[in-house]
Amino acid sequence: MPEPLVPTLAAFVEQFEAVKRDAADLFAGVTESQFSWRPEPGRWSMGECVAHLNVSAEIFVPKINTMIAEAQSKGYRSQGPYQHTWLGHLLASTIDPPPRFRAKAPKPFRVPETAHPLDRTTAAFLQHQEAFIDCARRANGLDLGRVRTTSPVTSLIKLTLEEALQLQAGHERRHLWQARNVKTALPER
């Protein structure tokens, strides 16, 4: 029988499950043209919001997997509480919606200037949520504060395993919130 998840990781699993439910609700009944509609030039469509989350997940899931492997190989175990980095903790704690500031997506996270088909983009998004859930489950019992990774944006920002999961969960919520605002602004159907 698997060991029960530590509370921190159980909370992450629930957060990513909630993101999946929110996305299913958000995109129910949305057409292809609605998914790609931009509220104004320079603002993202729902599809671009989700594509951005997919790009982010494609960067962060391997980083998180590497952190888990390192903690396992070095025998770093803990039930918490965990150490934090100052800047990583600040970043992870300020990402949730509504955003406190708007910023252009950093280069590694920019959305490709291509079409983002509804079915393929949302299917990839849901697969990434499952990958984050799997990461949280596999990290159970590990010291979530001992291993670190650098941000893909700048090596000045270091993230612990806990901060990386927290950052991604908040990031998912932030851009689904943004996509919901786009849906609300859609012209009459």
Foldseek 3Di string as FASTA:
>chain_A
DDDDFQVLLVVLLVLLVVLLVLVCVLCVPQDQCQQQDALDPPGGGVLQLLLLLLLVLVVLLVVLVVQLVVQVVVVAFDSDDADWDPVLVVLLVQLAPPHPDDDDDAPSRGGDPDRRGPVVSVVSSNVSSVSLSVSSSSSGGHRQHPDWDADPRDNVDIGGSSSSSSNSSRSSNNSSVVNSVSSVSDDDD
